[in-house]
Amino acid sequence: MTGFLLVTALNNTLIGDDTALIILNEVLDKKHRDYDLKIVYSTGRSLELYQQLNHEKHLLSSDALIAKES
């Protein structure tokens, strides 16, 4: 598998189960390195609210972000 793109929403999709997020982050981080996985977060949050959530939940760095205009 090469060139895989993962686009995901945040609330109740990626975020919601902290234990599952830790496990998923480990898997996705490995795929990101091994298979050139690209990660895109799509959210209705503003950039400021996304950054706050990212700080709280330690999301993986995304390759792109789709967010609400501030």
PDB file of N, CA and C in Angstrom:
ATOM      1  N   MET A   1       0.848  -1.169   0.000  1.00  0.00           N
ATOM      2  CA  MET A   1       0.000   0.000   0.000  1.00  0.00           C
ATOM      3  C   MET A   1       0.895   1.234   0.000  1.00  0.00           C
ATOM      4  N   THR A   2       0.663   2.126  -0.942  1.00  0.00           N
ATOM      5  CA  THR A   2       1.383   3.397  -0.970  1.00  0.00           C
ATOM      6  C   THR A   2       0.420   4.512  -1.330  1.00  0.00           C
ATOM      7  N   GLY A   3       0.767   5.711  -0.923  1.00  0.00           N
ATOM      8  CA  GLY A   3      -0.018   6.867  -1.289  1.00  0.00           C
ATOM      9  C   GLY A   3      -1.429   6.868  -0.723  1.00  0.00           C
ATOM     10  N   PHE A   4      -1.608   6.456   0.513  1.00  0.00           N
ATOM     11  CA  PHE A   4      -2.931   6.367   1.123  1.00  0.00           C
ATOM     12  C   PHE A   4      -3.305   7.697   1.771  1.00  0.00           C
ATOM     13  N   LEU A   5      -4.557   8.126   1.577  1.00  0.00           N
ATOM     14  CA  LEU A   5      -5.057   9.368   2.149  1.00  0.00           C
ATOM     15  C   LEU A   5      -6.159   9.052   3.142  1.00  0.00           C
ATOM     16  N   LEU A   6      -6.008   9.535   4.378  1.00  0.00           N
ATOM     17  CA  LEU A   6      -7.028   9.381   5.407  1.00  0.00           C
ATOM     18  C   LEU A   6      -7.593  10.754   5.718  1.00  0.00           C
ATOM     19  N   VAL A   7      -8.883  10.938   5.467  1.00  0.00           N
ATOM     20  CA  VAL A   7      -9.578  12.173   5.814  1.00  0.00           C
ATOM     21  C   VAL A   7     -10.584  11.808   6.898  1.00  0.00           C
ATOM     22  N   THR A   8     -10.530  12.508   8.029  1.00  0.00           N
ATOM     23  CA  THR A   8     -11.421  12.183   9.131  1.00  0.00           C
ATOM     24  C   THR A   8     -11.934  13.435   9.827  1.00  0.00           C
ATOM     25  N   ALA A   9     -13.171  13.351  10.275  1.00  0.00           N
ATOM     26  CA  ALA A   9     -13.727  14.376  11.155  1.00  0.00           C
ATOM     27  C   ALA A   9     -13.124  14.154  12.539  1.00  0.00           C
ATOM     28  N   LEU A  10     -13.390  15.066  13.454  1.00  0.00           N
ATOM     29  CA  LEU A  10     -12.808  14.945  14.780  1.00  0.00           C
ATOM     30  C   LEU A  10     -13.827  14.498  15.821  1.00  0.00           C
ATOM     31  N   ASN A  11     -14.831  15.306  16.091  1.00  0.00           N
ATOM     32  CA  ASN A  11     -15.782  15.019  17.170  1.00  0.00           C
ATOM     33  C   ASN A  11     -16.565  13.735  16.909  1.00  0.00           C
ATOM     34  N   ASN A  12     -16.524  12.843  17.880  1.00  0.00           N
ATOM     35  CA  ASN A  12     -17.246  11.570  17.837  1.00  0.00           C
ATOM     36  C   ASN A  12     -16.849  10.694  16.650  1.00  0.00           C
ATOM     37  N   THR A  13     -15.753  11.011  16.027  1.00  0.00           N
ATOM     38  CA  THR A  13     -15.192  10.167  14.969  1.00  0.00           C
ATOM     39  C   THR A  13     -13.783   9.779  15.394  1.00  0.00           C
ATOM     40  N   LEU A  14     -12.884  10.735  15.411  1.00  0.00           N
ATOM     41  CA  LEU A  14     -11.515  10.484  15.868  1.00  0.00           C
ATOM     42  C   LEU A  14     -11.413  10.715  17.373  1.00  0.00           C
ATOM     43  N   ILE A  15     -12.126  11.701  17.858  1.00  0.00           N
ATOM     44  CA  ILE A  15     -12.104  12.068  19.275  1.00  0.00           C
ATOM     45  C   ILE A  15     -13.342  11.505  19.952  1.00  0.00           C
ATOM     46  N   GLY A  16     -13.159  10.978  21.147  1.00  0.00           N
ATOM     47  CA  GLY A  16     -14.302  10.483  21.905  1.00  0.00           C
ATOM     48  C   GLY A  16     -13.916   9.340  22.829  1.00  0.00           C
ATOM     49  N   ASP A  17     -12.904   8.584  22.442  1.00  0.00           N
ATOM     50  CA  ASP A  17     -12.417   7.472  23.254  1.00  0.00           C
ATOM     51  C   ASP A  17     -10.905   7.635  23.350  1.00  0.00           C
ATOM     52  N   ASP A  18     -10.443   8.176  24.477  1.00  0.00           N
ATOM     53  CA  ASP A  18      -9.021   8.508  24.618  1.00  0.00           C
ATOM     54  C   ASP A  18      -8.105   7.294  24.481  1.00  0.00           C
ATOM     55  N   THR A  19      -8.523   6.154  25.007  1.00  0.00           N
ATOM     56  CA  THR A  19      -7.697   4.945  24.905  1.00  0.00           C
ATOM     57  C   THR A  19      -7.586   4.495  23.450  1.00  0.00           C
ATOM     58  N   ALA A  20      -8.703   4.502  22.746  1.00  0.00           N
ATOM     59  CA  ALA A  20      -8.694   4.110  21.334  1.00  0.00           C
ATOM     60  C   ALA A  20      -7.851   5.084  20.507  1.00  0.00           C
ATOM     61  N   LEU A  21      -7.893   6.383  20.862  1.00  0.00           N
ATOM     62  CA  LEU A  21      -7.108   7.373  20.126  1.00  0.00           C
ATOM     63  C   LEU A  21      -5.614   7.109  20.283  1.00  0.00           C
ATOM     64  N   ILE A  22      -5.183   6.749  21.462  1.00  0.00           N
ATOM     65  CA  ILE A  22      -3.767   6.437  21.690  1.00  0.00           C
ATOM     66  C   ILE A  22      -3.330   5.264  20.808  1.00  0.00           C
ATOM     67  N   ILE A  23      -4.131   4.223  20.778  1.00  0.00           N
ATOM     68  CA  ILE A  23      -3.815   3.040  19.966  1.00  0.00           C
ATOM     69  C   ILE A  23      -3.826   3.397  18.482  1.00  0.00           C
ATOM     70  N   LEU A  24      -4.857   4.129  18.048  1.00  0.00           N
ATOM     71  CA  LEU A  24      -4.958   4.522  16.644  1.00  0.00           C
ATOM     72  C   LEU A  24      -3.781   5.399  16.240  1.00  0.00           C
ATOM     73  N   ASN A  25      -3.388   6.333  17.103  1.00  0.00           N
ATOM     74  CA  ASN A  25      -2.238   7.192  16.788  1.00  0.00           C
ATOM     75  C   ASN A  25      -0.969   6.372  16.567  1.00  0.00           C
ATOM     76  N   GLU A  26      -0.771   5.335  17.363  1.00  0.00           N
ATOM     77  CA  GLU A  26       0.406   4.474  17.182  1.00  0.00           C
ATOM     78  C   GLU A  26       0.365   3.781  15.823  1.00  0.00           C
ATOM     79  N   VAL A  27      -0.785   3.254  15.461  1.00  0.00           N
ATOM     80  CA  VAL A  27      -0.945   2.561  14.169  1.00  0.00           C
ATOM     81  C   VAL A  27      -0.762   3.545  13.016  1.00  0.00           C
ATOM     82  N   LEU A  28      -1.437   4.695  13.090  1.00  0.00           N
ATOM     83  CA  LEU A  28      -1.354   5.672  12.006  1.00  0.00           C
ATOM     84  C   LEU A  28       0.042   6.264  11.874  1.00  0.00           C
ATOM     85  N   ASP A  29       0.729   6.474  12.978  1.00  0.00           N
ATOM     86  CA  ASP A  29       2.086   6.993  12.912  1.00  0.00           C
ATOM     87  C   ASP A  29       2.996   6.033  12.151  1.00  0.00           C
ATOM     88  N   LYS A  30       2.854   4.747  12.420  1.00  0.00           N
ATOM     89  CA  LYS A  30       3.649   3.741  11.697  1.00  0.00           C
ATOM     90  C   LYS A  30       3.297   3.733  10.217  1.00  0.00           C
ATOM     91  N   LYS A  31       2.007   3.771   9.909  1.00  0.00           N
ATOM     92  CA  LYS A  31       1.573   3.778   8.495  1.00  0.00           C
ATOM     93  C   LYS A  31       2.053   5.048   7.803  1.00  0.00           C
ATOM     94  N   HIS A  32       2.052   6.160   8.533  1.00  0.00           N
ATOM     95  CA  HIS A  32       2.499   7.428   7.976  1.00  0.00           C
ATOM     96  C   HIS A  32       3.949   7.324   7.520  1.00  0.00           C
ATOM     97  N   ARG A  33       4.763   6.688   8.327  1.00  0.00           N
ATOM     98  CA  ARG A  33       6.189   6.533   7.996  1.00  0.00           C
ATOM     99  C   ARG A  33       6.422   5.453   6.951  1.00  0.00           C
ATOM    100  N   ASP A  34       5.751   4.305   7.096  1.00  0.00           N
ATOM    101  CA  ASP A  34       6.032   3.152   6.236  1.00  0.00           C
ATOM    102  C   ASP A  34       5.375   3.226   4.865  1.00  0.00           C
ATOM    103  N   TYR A  35       4.219   3.869   4.776  1.00  0.00           N
ATOM    104  CA  TYR A  35       3.436   3.810   3.538  1.00  0.00           C
ATOM    105  C   TYR A  35       3.060   5.177   2.994  1.00  0.00           C
ATOM    106  N   ASP A  36       3.714   6.218   3.460  1.00  0.00           N
ATOM    107  CA  ASP A  36       3.433   7.566   2.980  1.00  0.00           C
ATOM    108  C   ASP A  36       1.959   7.931   3.158  1.00  0.00           C
ATOM    109  N   LEU A  37       1.392   7.536   4.284  1.00  0.00           N
ATOM    110  CA  LEU A  37       0.015   7.885   4.620  1.00  0.00           C
ATOM    111  C   LEU A  37      -0.084   9.381   4.813  1.00  0.00           C
ATOM    112  N   LYS A  38      -1.073  10.002   4.207  1.00  0.00           N
ATOM    113  CA  LYS A  38      -1.360  11.422   4.399  1.00  0.00           C
ATOM    114  C   LYS A  38      -2.605  11.533   5.264  1.00  0.00           C
ATOM    115  N   ILE A  39      -2.561  12.423   6.248  1.00  0.00           N
ATOM    116  CA  ILE A  39      -3.662  12.592   7.188  1.00  0.00           C
ATOM    117  C   ILE A  39      -4.256  13.982   7.019  1.00  0.00           C
ATOM    118  N   VAL A  40      -5.591  14.027   6.875  1.00  0.00           N
ATOM    119  CA  VAL A  40      -6.315  15.296   6.764  1.00  0.00           C
ATOM    120  C   VAL A  40      -7.408  15.299   7.822  1.00  0.00           C
ATOM    121  N   TYR A  41      -7.445  16.357   8.628  1.00  0.00           N
ATOM    122  CA  TYR A  41      -8.523  16.521   9.599  1.00  0.00           C
ATOM    123  C   TYR A  41      -9.526  17.509   9.025  1.00  0.00           C
ATOM    124  N   SER A  42     -10.795  17.155   9.112  1.00  0.00           N
ATOM    125  CA  SER A  42     -11.876  18.021   8.654  1.00  0.00           C
ATOM    126  C   SER A  42     -12.756  18.318   9.859  1.00  0.00           C
ATOM    127  N   THR A  43     -12.921  19.604  10.170  1.00  0.00           N
ATOM    128  CA  THR A  43     -13.650  19.968  11.372  1.00  0.00           C
ATOM    129  C   THR A  43     -14.447  21.241  11.184  1.00  0.00           C
ATOM    130  N   GLY A  44     -15.504  21.365  11.933  1.00  0.00           N
ATOM    131  CA  GLY A  44     -16.276  22.592  11.972  1.00  0.00           C
ATOM    132  C   GLY A  44     -15.719  23.587  12.973  1.00  0.00           C
ATOM    133  N   ARG A  45     -14.638  23.212  13.621  1.00  0.00           N
ATOM    134  CA  ARG A  45     -13.985  24.101  14.595  1.00  0.00           C
ATOM    135  C   ARG A  45     -13.165  25.171  13.868  1.00  0.00           C
ATOM    136  N   SER A  46     -12.953  26.279  14.552  1.00  0.00           N
ATOM    137  CA  SER A  46     -12.025  27.291  14.042  1.00  0.00           C
ATOM    138  C   SER A  46     -10.601  26.782  14.243  1.00  0.00           C
ATOM    139  N   LEU A  47      -9.655  27.430  13.620  1.00  0.00           N
ATOM    140  CA  LEU A  47      -8.250  27.039  13.787  1.00  0.00           C
ATOM    141  C   LEU A  47      -7.850  27.117  15.256  1.00  0.00           C
ATOM    142  N   GLU A  48      -8.292  28.159  15.938  1.00  0.00           N
ATOM    143  CA  GLU A  48      -7.956  28.318  17.362  1.00  0.00           C
ATOM    144  C   GLU A  48      -8.518  27.162  18.193  1.00  0.00           C
ATOM    145  N   LEU A  49      -9.772  26.789  17.961  1.00  0.00           N
ATOM    146  CA  LEU A  49     -10.366  25.685  18.714  1.00  0.00           C
ATOM    147  C   LEU A  49      -9.727  24.350  18.344  1.00  0.00           C
ATOM    148  N   TYR A  50      -9.349  24.189  17.078  1.00  0.00           N
ATOM    149  CA  TYR A  50      -8.631  22.970  16.670  1.00  0.00           C
ATOM    150  C   TYR A  50      -7.299  22.882  17.415  1.00  0.00           C
ATOM    151  N   GLN A  51      -6.563  23.984  17.472  1.00  0.00           N
ATOM    152  CA  GLN A  51      -5.262  23.979  18.139  1.00  0.00           C
ATOM    153  C   GLN A  51      -5.411  23.650  19.625  1.00  0.00           C
ATOM    154  N   GLN A  52      -6.471  24.158  20.244  1.00  0.00           N
ATOM    155  CA  GLN A  52      -6.738  23.842  21.647  1.00  0.00           C
ATOM    156  C   GLN A  52      -7.007  22.344  21.815  1.00  0.00           C
ATOM    157  N   LEU A  53      -7.841  21.780  20.943  1.00  0.00           N
ATOM    158  CA  LEU A  53      -8.132  20.348  20.990  1.00  0.00           C
ATOM    159  C   LEU A  53      -6.866  19.533  20.743  1.00  0.00           C
ATOM    160  N   ASN A  54      -6.080  19.943  19.777  1.00  0.00           N
ATOM    161  CA  ASN A  54      -4.836  19.249  19.451  1.00  0.00           C
ATOM    162  C   ASN A  54      -3.911  19.222  20.665  1.00  0.00           C
ATOM    163  N   HIS A  55      -3.839  20.316  21.380  1.00  0.00           N
ATOM    164  CA  HIS A  55      -3.006  20.392  22.588  1.00  0.00           C
ATOM    165  C   HIS A  55      -3.522  19.439  23.673  1.00  0.00           C
ATOM    166  N   GLU A  56      -4.843  19.378  23.817  1.00  0.00           N
ATOM    167  CA  GLU A  56      -5.454  18.536  24.855  1.00  0.00           C
ATOM    168  C   GLU A  56      -5.362  17.046  24.523  1.00  0.00           C
ATOM    169  N   LYS A  57      -5.527  16.686  23.260  1.00  0.00           N
ATOM    170  CA  LYS A  57      -5.642  15.277  22.864  1.00  0.00           C
ATOM    171  C   LYS A  57      -4.391  14.732  22.181  1.00  0.00           C
ATOM    172  N   HIS A  58      -3.415  15.576  21.901  1.00  0.00           N
ATOM    173  CA  HIS A  58      -2.162  15.135  21.275  1.00  0.00           C
ATOM    174  C   HIS A  58      -2.432  14.377  19.975  1.00  0.00           C
ATOM    175  N   LEU A  59      -3.115  15.039  19.056  1.00  0.00           N
ATOM    176  CA  LEU A  59      -3.392  14.451  17.747  1.00  0.00           C
ATOM    177  C   LEU A  59      -2.096  14.332  16.961  1.00  0.00           C
ATOM    178  N   LEU A  60      -2.072  13.395  16.040  1.00  0.00           N
ATOM    179  CA  LEU A  60      -0.929  13.311  15.134  1.00  0.00           C
ATOM    180  C   LEU A  60      -0.913  14.558  14.257  1.00  0.00           C
ATOM    181  N   SER A  61       0.248  14.969  13.836  1.00  0.00           N
ATOM    182  CA  SER A  61       0.330  16.086  12.912  1.00  0.00           C
ATOM    183  C   SER A  61      -0.361  15.714  11.622  1.00  0.00           C
ATOM    184  N   SER A  62      -1.170  16.620  11.137  1.00  0.00           N
ATOM    185  CA  SER A  62      -1.868  16.334   9.884  1.00  0.00           C
ATOM    186  C   SER A  62      -1.110  16.960   8.726  1.00  0.00           C
ATOM    187  N   ASP A  63      -1.350  16.416   7.554  1.00  0.00           N
ATOM    188  CA  ASP A  63      -0.761  16.975   6.335  1.00  0.00           C
ATOM    189  C   ASP A  63      -1.593  18.145   5.817  1.00  0.00           C
ATOM    190  N   ALA A  64      -2.862  18.172   6.223  1.00  0.00           N
ATOM    191  CA  ALA A  64      -3.760  19.256   5.840  1.00  0.00           C
ATOM    192  C   ALA A  64      -4.877  19.345   6.886  1.00  0.00           C
ATOM    193  N   LEU A  65      -5.495  20.518   6.949  1.00  0.00           N
ATOM    194  CA  LEU A  65      -6.588  20.752   7.876  1.00  0.00           C
ATOM    195  C   LEU A  65      -7.684  21.507   7.145  1.00  0.00           C
ATOM    196  N   ILE A  66      -8.891  21.016   7.260  1.00  0.00           N
ATOM    197  CA  ILE A  66     -10.069  21.713   6.758  1.00  0.00           C
ATOM    198  C   ILE A  66     -10.795  22.204   8.001  1.00  0.00           C
ATOM    199  N   ALA A  67     -10.865  23.525   8.172  1.00  0.00           N
ATOM    200  CA  ALA A  67     -11.441  24.094   9.394  1.00  0.00           C
ATOM    201  C   ALA A  67     -12.352  25.271   9.044  1.00  0.00           C
ATOM    202  N   LYS A  68     -13.163  25.618  10.026  1.00  0.00           N
ATOM    203  CA  LYS A  68     -14.078  26.737   9.885  1.00  0.00           C
ATOM    204  C   LYS A  68     -13.286  28.038   9.941  1.00  0.00           C
ATOM    205  N   GLU A  69     -13.712  28.998   9.157  1.00  0.00           N
ATOM    206  CA  GLU A  69     -13.087  30.301   9.192  1.00  0.00           C
ATOM    207  C   GLU A  69     -13.357  30.963  10.534  1.00  0.00           C
ATOM    208  N   SER A  70     -12.364  31.620  11.092  1.00  0.00           N
ATOM    209  CA  SER A  70     -12.516  32.270  12.412  1.00  0.00           C
ATOM    210  C   SER A  70     -13.431  33.463  12.342  1.00  0.00           C
TER     211      SER A  70
END
